[in-house]
């Protein structure tokens, strides 16, 4: 990725643009890529931007304000892809993962501007960009603004549309009310109500499959007890904590940046999934390592990239011409033999 960064980045941006130029299908207010008669959810594809973005940032070491500017704008194609879908939750997750990569660079004075200064600039520009983007969405993209409004309505008043957008929010909250610490919950799953999607039996079967796929923690808590759901969540959290610990200790610069970006992406998806399972968020995230479908495929790819970065940490070398600014040489004490800071110095002349 360090060697072919430009080609990979340009190719990824071109594929993203082609996915919508080639044609798309509207489904539930979202645009799905339609290539060769097959529809795809572009938000899954957007996760590939994070490792490529980390490689772009890797090439900005020691470039000062120019490098910081490139690092900020390099994430824009991925965010635009999510906004075109539109999928606000995916855009937020992708943006925060990119922000995590930039902050790691700022903490190590990656750009040569001073750690605290670059840290403050990144946070300030990010906050300003969020405000400007929010205003532009409200003014220029009424469809996306309407989607955000519907999410807020479902979160604050799910009973206003109990048979539609607010159905899952109410169902999850009723499930948690009937759960026990051990064993199945009281009563039956709240999935037997009449709905506009067909008969009660067909709707219930489809809803149970969706519950197991998208709300696994909630289903495990209702089926086996809250303790089971808590153990499952703790196992995922433990795996993520190990990944974060290993990522931050990775000595290879590009390996560390890619690992931090992937860890941030998986962690925020996990937090979103937990909030949605608790009935506190209308945006669904993927449960790391336990999701299926195309989401599971992308998770497997990110996990493989993480493990590769960890495994190759001892053999990866920094390419010439891409090293960080050199630190000033230490003064060697006078004399033919001198010992300083654990180093023996021998002056031959």
C-alpha atoms as a PDB file:
ATOM      1  CA  UNK A   1       0.000   0.000   0.000  1.00  0.00           C
ATOM      2  CA  UNK A   2       2.889   2.375   0.679  1.00  0.00           C
ATOM      3  CA  UNK A   3       4.350   1.780  -2.786  1.00  0.00           C
ATOM      4  CA  UNK A   4       1.140   2.004  -4.831  1.00  0.00           C
ATOM      5  CA  UNK A   5      -0.771   4.499  -2.705  1.00  0.00           C
ATOM      6  CA  UNK A   6      -1.723   6.916  -5.493  1.00  0.00           C
ATOM      7  CA  UNK A   7      -2.880   4.184  -7.868  1.00  0.00           C
ATOM      8  CA  UNK A   8      -4.950   2.482  -5.173  1.00  0.00           C
ATOM      9  CA  UNK A   9      -6.531   5.736  -4.022  1.00  0.00           C
ATOM     10  CA  UNK A  10      -7.388   6.964  -7.536  1.00  0.00           C
ATOM     11  CA  UNK A  11      -8.736   3.545  -8.475  1.00  0.00           C
ATOM     12  CA  UNK A  12     -10.902   3.397  -5.360  1.00  0.00           C
ATOM     13  CA  UNK A  13     -12.318   6.877  -6.010  1.00  0.00           C
ATOM     14  CA  UNK A  14     -12.976   5.951  -9.666  1.00  0.00           C
ATOM     15  CA  UNK A  15     -14.816   2.757  -8.694  1.00  0.00           C
ATOM     16  CA  UNK A  16     -16.918   4.739  -6.220  1.00  0.00           C
ATOM     17  CA  UNK A  17     -17.914   7.248  -8.895  1.00  0.00           C
ATOM     18  CA  UNK A  18     -18.557   4.525 -11.471  1.00  0.00           C
ATOM     19  CA  UNK A  19     -20.849   2.688  -9.074  1.00  0.00           C
ATOM     20  CA  UNK A  20     -23.342   5.547  -9.216  1.00  0.00           C
ATOM     21  CA  UNK A  21     -22.685   6.628 -12.805  1.00  0.00           C
ATOM     22  CA  UNK A  22     -23.315   3.112 -14.075  1.00  0.00           C
ATOM     23  CA  UNK A  23     -26.737   3.146 -12.490  1.00  0.00           C
ATOM     24  CA  UNK A  24     -28.400   2.637  -9.156  1.00  0.00           C
ATOM     25  CA  UNK A  25     -31.652   1.300  -7.745  1.00  0.00           C
ATOM     26  CA  UNK A  26     -33.726   3.134  -5.154  1.00  0.00           C
ATOM     27  CA  UNK A  27     -34.798   0.954  -2.231  1.00  0.00           C
ATOM     28  CA  UNK A  28     -36.333   2.383   0.944  1.00  0.00           C
ATOM     29  CA  UNK A  29     -34.962   5.812   0.102  1.00  0.00           C
ATOM     30  CA  UNK A  30     -31.389   4.583  -0.473  1.00  0.00           C
ATOM     31  CA  UNK A  31     -29.362   4.210  -3.645  1.00  0.00           C
ATOM     32  CA  UNK A  32     -27.963   0.734  -4.270  1.00  0.00           C
ATOM     33  CA  UNK A  33     -25.259   0.200  -6.859  1.00  0.00           C
ATOM     34  CA  UNK A  34     -26.559  -1.738  -9.843  1.00  0.00           C
ATOM     35  CA  UNK A  35     -23.711  -3.294 -11.820  1.00  0.00           C
ATOM     36  CA  UNK A  36     -24.426  -6.036 -14.374  1.00  0.00           C
ATOM     37  CA  UNK A  37     -27.932  -6.371 -13.004  1.00  0.00           C
ATOM     38  CA  UNK A  38     -26.827  -6.966  -9.387  1.00  0.00           C
ATOM     39  CA  UNK A  39     -27.455  -4.406  -6.619  1.00  0.00           C
ATOM     40  CA  UNK A  40     -24.908  -3.701  -3.884  1.00  0.00           C
ATOM     41  CA  UNK A  41     -24.909  -1.611  -0.729  1.00  0.00           C
ATOM     42  CA  UNK A  42     -22.122   0.942  -1.224  1.00  0.00           C
ATOM     43  CA  UNK A  43     -21.735   1.537   2.512  1.00  0.00           C
ATOM     44  CA  UNK A  44     -19.988  -1.844   2.811  1.00  0.00           C
ATOM     45  CA  UNK A  45     -17.565  -0.823   0.067  1.00  0.00           C
ATOM     46  CA  UNK A  46     -16.815   2.447   1.884  1.00  0.00           C
ATOM     47  CA  UNK A  47     -14.944   0.578   4.630  1.00  0.00           C
ATOM     48  CA  UNK A  48     -12.107  -0.105   2.168  1.00  0.00           C
ATOM     49  CA  UNK A  49     -11.321   3.628   2.273  1.00  0.00           C
ATOM     50  CA  UNK A  50      -9.833   3.403   5.771  1.00  0.00           C
ATOM     51  CA  UNK A  51      -6.672   1.322   5.050  1.00  0.00           C
ATOM     52  CA  UNK A  52      -6.078   3.210   1.789  1.00  0.00           C
ATOM     53  CA  UNK A  53      -6.599   6.509   3.611  1.00  0.00           C
ATOM     54  CA  UNK A  54      -4.063   5.401   6.229  1.00  0.00           C
ATOM     55  CA  UNK A  55      -1.562   4.767   3.429  1.00  0.00           C
ATOM     56  CA  UNK A  56      -2.186   8.283   2.072  1.00  0.00           C
ATOM     57  CA  UNK A  57      -1.577   9.785   5.501  1.00  0.00           C
ATOM     58  CA  UNK A  58       1.558   7.665   5.818  1.00  0.00           C
ATOM     59  CA  UNK A  59       3.071   9.491   2.853  1.00  0.00           C
ATOM     60  CA  UNK A  60       2.546  12.932   4.441  1.00  0.00           C
ATOM     61  CA  UNK A  61       5.197  12.631   7.129  1.00  0.00           C
ATOM     62  CA  UNK A  62       7.285  15.733   7.614  1.00  0.00           C
ATOM     63  CA  UNK A  63       5.372  17.733   4.969  1.00  0.00           C
ATOM     64  CA  UNK A  64       4.049  20.336   7.392  1.00  0.00           C
ATOM     65  CA  UNK A  65       0.812  22.163   6.614  1.00  0.00           C
ATOM     66  CA  UNK A  66       0.596  20.647   3.130  1.00  0.00           C
ATOM     67  CA  UNK A  67       0.661  17.134   4.569  1.00  0.00           C
ATOM     68  CA  UNK A  68      -1.961  18.024   7.166  1.00  0.00           C
ATOM     69  CA  UNK A  69      -4.194  19.518   4.463  1.00  0.00           C
ATOM     70  CA  UNK A  70      -3.896  16.427   2.252  1.00  0.00           C
ATOM     71  CA  UNK A  71      -4.669  14.190   5.236  1.00  0.00           C
ATOM     72  CA  UNK A  72      -7.851  16.141   5.892  1.00  0.00           C
ATOM     73  CA  UNK A  73      -9.188  16.098   2.339  1.00  0.00           C
ATOM     74  CA  UNK A  74      -8.197  12.528   1.469  1.00  0.00           C
ATOM     75  CA  UNK A  75     -11.187  11.106   3.362  1.00  0.00           C
ATOM     76  CA  UNK A  76     -13.705  13.178   1.360  1.00  0.00           C
ATOM     77  CA  UNK A  77     -14.407  10.581  -1.413  1.00  0.00           C
ATOM     78  CA  UNK A  78     -15.353   7.990   1.183  1.00  0.00           C
ATOM     79  CA  UNK A  79     -17.632  10.410   2.999  1.00  0.00           C
ATOM     80  CA  UNK A  80     -19.227  11.496  -0.277  1.00  0.00           C
ATOM     81  CA  UNK A  81     -19.901   7.860  -1.137  1.00  0.00           C
ATOM     82  CA  UNK A  82     -21.813   7.397   2.140  1.00  0.00           C
ATOM     83  CA  UNK A  83     -23.719  10.661   1.678  1.00  0.00           C
ATOM     84  CA  UNK A  84     -24.758   9.664  -1.838  1.00  0.00           C
ATOM     85  CA  UNK A  85     -26.370   6.447  -0.559  1.00  0.00           C
ATOM     86  CA  UNK A  86     -27.420   8.267   1.768  1.00  0.00           C
ATOM     87  CA  UNK A  87     -26.237   6.668   5.014  1.00  0.00           C
ATOM     88  CA  UNK A  88     -25.435   9.192   7.732  1.00  0.00           C
ATOM     89  CA  UNK A  89     -24.329   6.589  10.285  1.00  0.00           C
ATOM     90  CA  UNK A  90     -21.775   5.095   7.848  1.00  0.00           C
ATOM     91  CA  UNK A  91     -20.479   8.581   7.023  1.00  0.00           C
ATOM     92  CA  UNK A  92     -20.040   9.402  10.721  1.00  0.00           C
ATOM     93  CA  UNK A  93     -18.262   6.101  11.425  1.00  0.00           C
ATOM     94  CA  UNK A  94     -15.937   6.528   8.454  1.00  0.00           C
ATOM     95  CA  UNK A  95     -15.161  10.136   9.382  1.00  0.00           C
ATOM     96  CA  UNK A  96     -14.410   9.268  13.003  1.00  0.00           C
ATOM     97  CA  UNK A  97     -12.133   6.404  11.953  1.00  0.00           C
ATOM     98  CA  UNK A  98     -10.204   8.809   9.721  1.00  0.00           C
ATOM     99  CA  UNK A  99     -10.065  11.294  12.590  1.00  0.00           C
ATOM    100  CA  UNK A 100      -8.535   8.607  14.828  1.00  0.00           C
ATOM    101  CA  UNK A 101      -5.756   8.047  12.272  1.00  0.00           C
ATOM    102  CA  UNK A 102      -5.028  11.795  12.089  1.00  0.00           C
ATOM    103  CA  UNK A 103      -4.976  12.193  15.873  1.00  0.00           C
ATOM    104  CA  UNK A 104      -2.469   9.351  16.237  1.00  0.00           C
ATOM    105  CA  UNK A 105      -0.238  11.180  13.747  1.00  0.00           C
ATOM    106  CA  UNK A 106      -0.663  14.465  15.604  1.00  0.00           C
ATOM    107  CA  UNK A 107       0.204  12.842  18.933  1.00  0.00           C
ATOM    108  CA  UNK A 108       3.528  11.719  17.435  1.00  0.00           C
ATOM    109  CA  UNK A 109       4.192  15.096  15.741  1.00  0.00           C
ATOM    110  CA  UNK A 110       3.881  13.375  12.370  1.00  0.00           C
ATOM    111  CA  UNK A 111       3.751  16.583  10.330  1.00  0.00           C
ATOM    112  CA  UNK A 112       6.538  18.426  12.118  1.00  0.00           C
ATOM    113  CA  UNK A 113       4.242  21.239  13.300  1.00  0.00           C
ATOM    114  CA  UNK A 114       4.242  20.395  16.980  1.00  0.00           C
ATOM    115  CA  UNK A 115       1.994  17.769  18.521  1.00  0.00           C
ATOM    116  CA  UNK A 116      -0.318  20.093  20.461  1.00  0.00           C
ATOM    117  CA  UNK A 117      -0.682  22.581  17.605  1.00  0.00           C
ATOM    118  CA  UNK A 118      -1.569  19.964  14.974  1.00  0.00           C
ATOM    119  CA  UNK A 119      -3.874  18.198  17.458  1.00  0.00           C
ATOM    120  CA  UNK A 120      -5.803  21.414  18.108  1.00  0.00           C
ATOM    121  CA  UNK A 121      -5.961  22.286  14.395  1.00  0.00           C
ATOM    122  CA  UNK A 122      -7.380  18.864  13.464  1.00  0.00           C
ATOM    123  CA  UNK A 123     -10.042  18.999  16.165  1.00  0.00           C
ATOM    124  CA  UNK A 124     -10.988  22.595  15.314  1.00  0.00           C
ATOM    125  CA  UNK A 125     -11.224  21.966  11.571  1.00  0.00           C
ATOM    126  CA  UNK A 126     -13.249  18.803  12.188  1.00  0.00           C
ATOM    127  CA  UNK A 127     -15.752  20.641  14.365  1.00  0.00           C
ATOM    128  CA  UNK A 128     -16.078  23.450  11.812  1.00  0.00           C
ATOM    129  CA  UNK A 129     -16.479  20.969   8.948  1.00  0.00           C
ATOM    130  CA  UNK A 130     -19.287  19.196  10.795  1.00  0.00           C
ATOM    131  CA  UNK A 131     -21.180  22.450  11.271  1.00  0.00           C
ATOM    132  CA  UNK A 132     -20.725  23.500   7.625  1.00  0.00           C
ATOM    133  CA  UNK A 133     -21.678  20.045   6.326  1.00  0.00           C
ATOM    134  CA  UNK A 134     -24.794  19.971   8.499  1.00  0.00           C
ATOM    135  CA  UNK A 135     -25.908  23.354   7.170  1.00  0.00           C
ATOM    136  CA  UNK A 136     -25.227  22.347   3.557  1.00  0.00           C
ATOM    137  CA  UNK A 137     -27.230  19.139   4.028  1.00  0.00           C
ATOM    138  CA  UNK A 138     -30.174  21.100   5.387  1.00  0.00           C
ATOM    139  CA  UNK A 139     -30.054  23.611   2.521  1.00  0.00           C
ATOM    140  CA  UNK A 140     -29.031  21.534  -0.498  1.00  0.00           C
ATOM    141  CA  UNK A 141     -30.042  17.943   0.269  1.00  0.00           C
ATOM    142  CA  UNK A 142     -33.625  17.854   1.543  1.00  0.00           C
ATOM    143  CA  UNK A 143     -33.799  14.075   1.151  1.00  0.00           C
ATOM    144  CA  UNK A 144     -30.851  13.510   3.479  1.00  0.00           C
ATOM    145  CA  UNK A 145     -32.195  16.105   5.921  1.00  0.00           C
ATOM    146  CA  UNK A 146     -35.536  14.276   5.903  1.00  0.00           C
ATOM    147  CA  UNK A 147     -33.763  10.993   6.670  1.00  0.00           C
ATOM    148  CA  UNK A 148     -32.041  12.604   9.661  1.00  0.00           C
ATOM    149  CA  UNK A 149     -35.377  13.973  10.850  1.00  0.00           C
ATOM    150  CA  UNK A 150     -36.991  10.522  10.626  1.00  0.00           C
ATOM    151  CA  UNK A 151     -34.175   9.005  12.672  1.00  0.00           C
ATOM    152  CA  UNK A 152     -34.684  11.610  15.390  1.00  0.00           C
ATOM    153  CA  UNK A 153     -38.433  11.051  15.384  1.00  0.00           C
ATOM    154  CA  UNK A 154     -38.009   7.297  15.725  1.00  0.00           C
ATOM    155  CA  UNK A 155     -35.536   7.754  18.570  1.00  0.00           C
ATOM    156  CA  UNK A 156     -37.574  10.314  20.518  1.00  0.00           C
ATOM    157  CA  UNK A 157     -41.136   9.200  19.742  1.00  0.00           C
ATOM    158  CA  UNK A 158     -41.240   5.625  18.359  1.00  0.00           C
ATOM    159  CA  UNK A 159     -44.971   5.313  19.182  1.00  0.00           C
ATOM    160  CA  UNK A 160     -45.785   7.966  16.563  1.00  0.00           C
ATOM    161  CA  UNK A 161     -45.176   5.359  13.836  1.00  0.00           C
ATOM    162  CA  UNK A 162     -45.377   2.110  15.782  1.00  0.00           C
ATOM    163  CA  UNK A 163     -46.255  -0.038  12.746  1.00  0.00           C
ATOM    164  CA  UNK A 164     -43.519   1.450  10.568  1.00  0.00           C
ATOM    165  CA  UNK A 165     -40.226   3.120  11.368  1.00  0.00           C
ATOM    166  CA  UNK A 166     -40.762   2.944  15.124  1.00  0.00           C
ATOM    167  CA  UNK A 167     -41.584  -0.773  15.169  1.00  0.00           C
ATOM    168  CA  UNK A 168     -38.129  -2.089  15.981  1.00  0.00           C
ATOM    169  CA  UNK A 169     -37.495   0.521  18.641  1.00  0.00           C
ATOM    170  CA  UNK A 170     -40.664  -0.447  20.504  1.00  0.00           C
ATOM    171  CA  UNK A 171     -40.066  -4.184  19.990  1.00  0.00           C
ATOM    172  CA  UNK A 172     -36.538  -4.024  21.412  1.00  0.00           C
ATOM    173  CA  UNK A 173     -37.614  -2.023  24.444  1.00  0.00           C
ATOM    174  CA  UNK A 174     -40.413  -4.502  25.198  1.00  0.00           C
ATOM    175  CA  UNK A 175     -37.970  -7.379  24.847  1.00  0.00           C
ATOM    176  CA  UNK A 176     -35.588  -5.862  27.405  1.00  0.00           C
ATOM    177  CA  UNK A 177     -38.475  -5.248  29.801  1.00  0.00           C
ATOM    178  CA  UNK A 178     -39.299  -8.984  29.740  1.00  0.00           C
ATOM    179  CA  UNK A 179     -35.746 -10.350  29.987  1.00  0.00           C
ATOM    180  CA  UNK A 180     -34.286 -12.302  32.896  1.00  0.00           C
ATOM    181  CA  UNK A 181     -30.709 -12.632  34.028  1.00  0.00           C
ATOM    182  CA  UNK A 182     -30.709 -16.338  33.101  1.00  0.00           C
ATOM    183  CA  UNK A 183     -33.102 -18.240  30.855  1.00  0.00           C
ATOM    184  CA  UNK A 184     -35.606 -17.102  28.230  1.00  0.00           C
ATOM    185  CA  UNK A 185     -37.573 -13.909  28.713  1.00  0.00           C
ATOM    186  CA  UNK A 186     -41.191 -13.639  29.757  1.00  0.00           C
ATOM    187  CA  UNK A 187     -43.863 -14.158  27.118  1.00  0.00           C
ATOM    188  CA  UNK A 188     -43.172 -14.451  23.413  1.00  0.00           C
ATOM    189  CA  UNK A 189     -41.161 -12.311  21.055  1.00  0.00           C
ATOM    190  CA  UNK A 190     -43.093  -9.105  20.281  1.00  0.00           C
ATOM    191  CA  UNK A 191     -43.123  -9.897  16.574  1.00  0.00           C
ATOM    192  CA  UNK A 192     -46.645 -11.172  15.991  1.00  0.00           C
ATOM    193  CA  UNK A 193     -48.494  -7.905  15.423  1.00  0.00           C
ATOM    194  CA  UNK A 194     -50.298  -7.317  12.167  1.00  0.00           C
ATOM    195  CA  UNK A 195     -48.314  -5.286   9.698  1.00  0.00           C
ATOM    196  CA  UNK A 196     -48.547  -4.102   6.150  1.00  0.00           C
ATOM    197  CA  UNK A 197     -45.880  -6.573   5.054  1.00  0.00           C
ATOM    198  CA  UNK A 198     -48.252  -9.549   4.689  1.00  0.00           C
ATOM    199  CA  UNK A 199     -49.716 -12.093   7.021  1.00  0.00           C
ATOM    200  CA  UNK A 200     -48.762 -12.337  10.660  1.00  0.00           C
ATOM    201  CA  UNK A 201     -46.846 -15.582  10.202  1.00  0.00           C
ATOM    202  CA  UNK A 202     -44.784 -14.351   7.246  1.00  0.00           C
ATOM    203  CA  UNK A 203     -43.975 -11.081   8.968  1.00  0.00           C
ATOM    204  CA  UNK A 204     -43.015 -12.810  12.216  1.00  0.00           C
ATOM    205  CA  UNK A 205     -40.653 -15.204  10.430  1.00  0.00           C
ATOM    206  CA  UNK A 206     -38.985 -12.394   8.512  1.00  0.00           C
ATOM    207  CA  UNK A 207     -38.709 -10.276  11.646  1.00  0.00           C
ATOM    208  CA  UNK A 208     -37.103 -13.067  13.669  1.00  0.00           C
ATOM    209  CA  UNK A 209     -34.468 -13.570  10.941  1.00  0.00           C
ATOM    210  CA  UNK A 210     -33.788  -9.835  10.924  1.00  0.00           C
ATOM    211  CA  UNK A 211     -33.609  -9.840  14.709  1.00  0.00           C
ATOM    212  CA  UNK A 212     -30.968 -12.575  14.743  1.00  0.00           C
ATOM    213  CA  UNK A 213     -28.959 -10.885  11.991  1.00  0.00           C
ATOM    214  CA  UNK A 214     -29.007  -7.229  13.087  1.00  0.00           C
ATOM    215  CA  UNK A 215     -29.803  -7.379  16.811  1.00  0.00           C
ATOM    216  CA  UNK A 216     -27.880 -10.456  17.923  1.00  0.00           C
ATOM    217  CA  UNK A 217     -27.159  -9.156  21.428  1.00  0.00           C
ATOM    218  CA  UNK A 218     -30.826  -8.402  22.077  1.00  0.00           C
ATOM    219  CA  UNK A 219     -31.910 -11.793  20.737  1.00  0.00           C
ATOM    220  CA  UNK A 220     -29.272 -13.604  22.840  1.00  0.00           C
ATOM    221  CA  UNK A 221     -30.438 -11.706  25.929  1.00  0.00           C
ATOM    222  CA  UNK A 222     -34.083 -12.621  25.354  1.00  0.00           C
ATOM    223  CA  UNK A 223     -33.385 -16.233  24.349  1.00  0.00           C
ATOM    224  CA  UNK A 224     -30.735 -17.164  26.940  1.00  0.00           C
ATOM    225  CA  UNK A 225     -30.693 -14.343  29.495  1.00  0.00           C
ATOM    226  CA  UNK A 226     -29.064 -10.980  30.075  1.00  0.00           C
ATOM    227  CA  UNK A 227     -25.932 -12.699  31.436  1.00  0.00           C
ATOM    228  CA  UNK A 228     -25.411 -14.417  28.058  1.00  0.00           C
ATOM    229  CA  UNK A 229     -25.746 -11.129  26.166  1.00  0.00           C
ATOM    230  CA  UNK A 230     -23.345  -9.449  28.609  1.00  0.00           C
ATOM    231  CA  UNK A 231     -20.802 -12.263  28.184  1.00  0.00           C
ATOM    232  CA  UNK A 232     -21.057 -11.986  24.403  1.00  0.00           C
ATOM    233  CA  UNK A 233     -20.572  -8.222  24.533  1.00  0.00           C
ATOM    234  CA  UNK A 234     -17.626  -8.638  26.932  1.00  0.00           C
ATOM    235  CA  UNK A 235     -15.961 -11.129  24.578  1.00  0.00           C
ATOM    236  CA  UNK A 236     -16.243  -8.716  21.654  1.00  0.00           C
ATOM    237  CA  UNK A 237     -14.999  -5.830  23.820  1.00  0.00           C
ATOM    238  CA  UNK A 238     -12.039  -7.930  24.990  1.00  0.00           C
ATOM    239  CA  UNK A 239     -11.076  -8.787  21.414  1.00  0.00           C
ATOM    240  CA  UNK A 240     -11.269  -5.113  20.419  1.00  0.00           C
ATOM    241  CA  UNK A 241      -9.188  -4.086  23.448  1.00  0.00           C
ATOM    242  CA  UNK A 242      -6.481  -6.584  22.460  1.00  0.00           C
ATOM    243  CA  UNK A 243      -6.513  -5.268  18.894  1.00  0.00           C
ATOM    244  CA  UNK A 244      -6.201  -1.660  20.099  1.00  0.00           C
ATOM    245  CA  UNK A 245      -3.343  -2.553  22.445  1.00  0.00           C
ATOM    246  CA  UNK A 246      -1.460  -4.390  19.700  1.00  0.00           C
ATOM    247  CA  UNK A 247      -2.174  -1.690  17.112  1.00  0.00           C
ATOM    248  CA  UNK A 248      -0.767   1.108  19.254  1.00  0.00           C
ATOM    249  CA  UNK A 249       2.365  -0.959  19.979  1.00  0.00           C
ATOM    250  CA  UNK A 250       3.050  -1.765  16.330  1.00  0.00           C
ATOM    251  CA  UNK A 251       6.474  -0.415  15.372  1.00  0.00           C
ATOM    252  CA  UNK A 252       5.865  -0.161  11.631  1.00  0.00           C
ATOM    253  CA  UNK A 253       4.367   3.248  10.884  1.00  0.00           C
ATOM    254  CA  UNK A 254       2.068   2.186   8.056  1.00  0.00           C
ATOM    255  CA  UNK A 255       1.058  -0.938   9.971  1.00  0.00           C
ATOM    256  CA  UNK A 256       0.161   1.149  13.015  1.00  0.00           C
ATOM    257  CA  UNK A 257      -1.902   3.651  11.020  1.00  0.00           C
ATOM    258  CA  UNK A 258      -3.826   0.938   9.144  1.00  0.00           C
ATOM    259  CA  UNK A 259      -4.400  -0.971  12.373  1.00  0.00           C
ATOM    260  CA  UNK A 260      -5.655   2.104  14.230  1.00  0.00           C
ATOM    261  CA  UNK A 261      -8.046   2.965  11.395  1.00  0.00           C
ATOM    262  CA  UNK A 262      -9.441  -0.577  11.226  1.00  0.00           C
ATOM    263  CA  UNK A 263      -9.756  -0.804  15.019  1.00  0.00           C
ATOM    264  CA  UNK A 264     -11.594   2.521  15.145  1.00  0.00           C
ATOM    265  CA  UNK A 265     -13.964   1.388  12.399  1.00  0.00           C
ATOM    266  CA  UNK A 266     -14.775  -1.913  14.117  1.00  0.00           C
ATOM    267  CA  UNK A 267     -15.113  -0.274  17.544  1.00  0.00           C
ATOM    268  CA  UNK A 268     -17.571   2.389  16.417  1.00  0.00           C
ATOM    269  CA  UNK A 269     -19.648  -0.159  14.548  1.00  0.00           C
ATOM    270  CA  UNK A 270     -19.723  -2.227  17.731  1.00  0.00           C
ATOM    271  CA  UNK A 271     -20.835   0.760  19.805  1.00  0.00           C
ATOM    272  CA  UNK A 272     -23.608   1.529  17.307  1.00  0.00           C
ATOM    273  CA  UNK A 273     -24.746  -2.095  17.361  1.00  0.00           C
ATOM    274  CA  UNK A 274     -24.849  -2.102  21.156  1.00  0.00           C
ATOM    275  CA  UNK A 275     -26.883   1.119  21.268  1.00  0.00           C
ATOM    276  CA  UNK A 276     -29.326  -0.181  18.654  1.00  0.00           C
ATOM    277  CA  UNK A 277     -29.749  -3.487  20.516  1.00  0.00           C
ATOM    278  CA  UNK A 278     -30.543  -1.545  23.699  1.00  0.00           C
ATOM    279  CA  UNK A 279     -33.136   0.514  21.812  1.00  0.00           C
ATOM    280  CA  UNK A 280     -31.177   3.737  22.237  1.00  0.00           C
ATOM    281  CA  UNK A 281     -30.258   4.315  18.582  1.00  0.00           C
ATOM    282  CA  UNK A 282     -32.168   3.980  15.328  1.00  0.00           C
ATOM    283  CA  UNK A 283     -28.917   3.542  13.361  1.00  0.00           C
ATOM    284  CA  UNK A 284     -27.746  -0.053  13.146  1.00  0.00           C
ATOM    285  CA  UNK A 285     -24.089  -0.944  13.410  1.00  0.00           C
ATOM    286  CA  UNK A 286     -22.441  -4.265  12.739  1.00  0.00           C
ATOM    287  CA  UNK A 287     -21.398  -6.487  15.639  1.00  0.00           C
ATOM    288  CA  UNK A 288     -17.640  -7.059  15.141  1.00  0.00           C
ATOM    289  CA  UNK A 289     -16.590 -10.622  14.277  1.00  0.00           C
ATOM    290  CA  UNK A 290     -20.145 -12.009  14.524  1.00  0.00           C
ATOM    291  CA  UNK A 291     -21.981 -10.317  11.659  1.00  0.00           C
ATOM    292  CA  UNK A 292     -22.852 -12.038   8.380  1.00  0.00           C
ATOM    293  CA  UNK A 293     -23.473 -11.211   4.731  1.00  0.00           C
ATOM    294  CA  UNK A 294     -21.383  -8.597   2.944  1.00  0.00           C
ATOM    295  CA  UNK A 295     -20.774  -6.903   6.294  1.00  0.00           C
ATOM    296  CA  UNK A 296     -19.148 -10.074   7.583  1.00  0.00           C
ATOM    297  CA  UNK A 297     -17.002 -10.282   4.438  1.00  0.00           C
ATOM    298  CA  UNK A 298     -15.732  -6.728   4.993  1.00  0.00           C
ATOM    299  CA  UNK A 299     -15.124  -7.458   8.675  1.00  0.00           C
ATOM    300  CA  UNK A 300     -13.067 -10.505   7.732  1.00  0.00           C
ATOM    301  CA  UNK A 301     -11.029  -8.382   5.327  1.00  0.00           C
ATOM    302  CA  UNK A 302     -10.318  -5.751   7.983  1.00  0.00           C
ATOM    303  CA  UNK A 303      -9.420  -8.426  10.537  1.00  0.00           C
ATOM    304  CA  UNK A 304      -7.074 -10.070   8.035  1.00  0.00           C
ATOM    305  CA  UNK A 305      -5.377  -6.734   7.371  1.00  0.00           C
ATOM    306  CA  UNK A 306      -4.947  -6.193  11.108  1.00  0.00           C
ATOM    307  CA  UNK A 307      -3.405  -9.609  11.679  1.00  0.00           C
ATOM    308  CA  UNK A 308      -1.108  -9.151   8.671  1.00  0.00           C
ATOM    309  CA  UNK A 309       0.144  -5.842  10.036  1.00  0.00           C
ATOM    310  CA  UNK A 310       0.852  -7.460  13.412  1.00  0.00           C
ATOM    311  CA  UNK A 311       2.539 -10.531  11.892  1.00  0.00           C
ATOM    312  CA  UNK A 312       4.797  -8.517   9.577  1.00  0.00           C
ATOM    313  CA  UNK A 313       5.719  -5.923  12.187  1.00  0.00           C
ATOM    314  CA  UNK A 314       9.252  -7.293  12.591  1.00  0.00           C
ATOM    315  CA  UNK A 315      10.014  -7.458   8.861  1.00  0.00           C
ATOM    316  CA  UNK A 316       8.410  -4.250   7.533  1.00  0.00           C
ATOM    317  CA  UNK A 317      10.931  -1.534   6.781  1.00  0.00           C
ATOM    318  CA  UNK A 318      10.384   2.153   6.119  1.00  0.00           C
ATOM    319  CA  UNK A 319      10.961   2.910   2.391  1.00  0.00           C
ATOM    320  CA  UNK A 320      13.634   5.452   1.558  1.00  0.00           C
ATOM    321  CA  UNK A 321      12.420   8.995   1.046  1.00  0.00           C
ATOM    322  CA  UNK A 322       9.453   8.536   3.357  1.00  0.00           C
ATOM    323  CA  UNK A 323      11.119   8.795   6.733  1.00  0.00           C
ATOM    324  CA  UNK A 324      10.087  11.240   9.387  1.00  0.00           C
ATOM    325  CA  UNK A 325      12.164  14.399   9.933  1.00  0.00           C
ATOM    326  CA  UNK A 326      15.485  13.441  11.442  1.00  0.00           C
ATOM    327  CA  UNK A 327      16.091  14.311  15.045  1.00  0.00           C
ATOM    328  CA  UNK A 328      19.164  16.437  15.779  1.00  0.00           C
ATOM    329  CA  UNK A 329      22.273  14.342  16.320  1.00  0.00           C
ATOM    330  CA  UNK A 330      23.319  13.843  19.925  1.00  0.00           C
ATOM    331  CA  UNK A 331      26.567  15.370  21.048  1.00  0.00           C
ATOM    332  CA  UNK A 332      29.190  12.676  21.674  1.00  0.00           C
ATOM    333  CA  UNK A 333      31.347  13.324  24.761  1.00  0.00           C
ATOM    334  CA  UNK A 334      34.988  14.201  24.108  1.00  0.00           C
ATOM    335  CA  UNK A 335      37.709  11.567  24.455  1.00  0.00           C
ATOM    336  CA  UNK A 336      38.641   8.375  22.619  1.00  0.00           C
ATOM    337  CA  UNK A 337      36.222   6.268  24.694  1.00  0.00           C
ATOM    338  CA  UNK A 338      32.959   7.577  26.147  1.00  0.00           C
ATOM    339  CA  UNK A 339      29.799   6.008  27.495  1.00  0.00           C
ATOM    340  CA  UNK A 340      26.505   7.946  27.310  1.00  0.00           C
ATOM    341  CA  UNK A 341      22.829   6.906  27.494  1.00  0.00           C
ATOM    342  CA  UNK A 342      23.659   3.207  27.234  1.00  0.00           C
ATOM    343  CA  UNK A 343      25.909   3.672  24.162  1.00  0.00           C
ATOM    344  CA  UNK A 344      29.666   3.159  24.020  1.00  0.00           C
ATOM    345  CA  UNK A 345      31.334   5.716  21.707  1.00  0.00           C
ATOM    346  CA  UNK A 346      34.799   4.961  20.261  1.00  0.00           C
ATOM    347  CA  UNK A 347      36.538   7.787  18.460  1.00  0.00           C
ATOM    348  CA  UNK A 348      38.859   6.289  15.805  1.00  0.00           C
ATOM    349  CA  UNK A 349      40.465   9.582  14.835  1.00  0.00           C
END
